[in-house]
């Protein structure tokens, strides 16, 4: 599999058809990432985009994850199977939080310190 960038495919008024899935599987032979753009004619609201993402992941299998940004679904192919909770909207959790403390030196000067705080 050679990666030639990110492939793009659109969902139109026909919705998710067999032709759409065959094209999607063909794209994944050359690419690791595919952006699926949901056109206005294929959606009524934002929940339709989420439903399309769930149906795409169900059809493709466990080696794929998806993330929704606006009305675009970014689908990624992995080498190994992903757990069910990791398949939709994977996000990295931050282990440290920055807390900004203000120290008043005088009325005119305020010094800010950022301190890393572990959870």
Foldseek 3Di string as FASTA:
>chain_A
DAAPDEAEEEAALVGDDPVNLVVVVVVVVHHFKYKYAYDPNNDDDPVSLVVSLVVSDVVPDQQKAWEDDPRIIIIGGHPDGDDPVCRYHHDDDDQWDWDWDWDDPDPVDIDIDIDIDGD
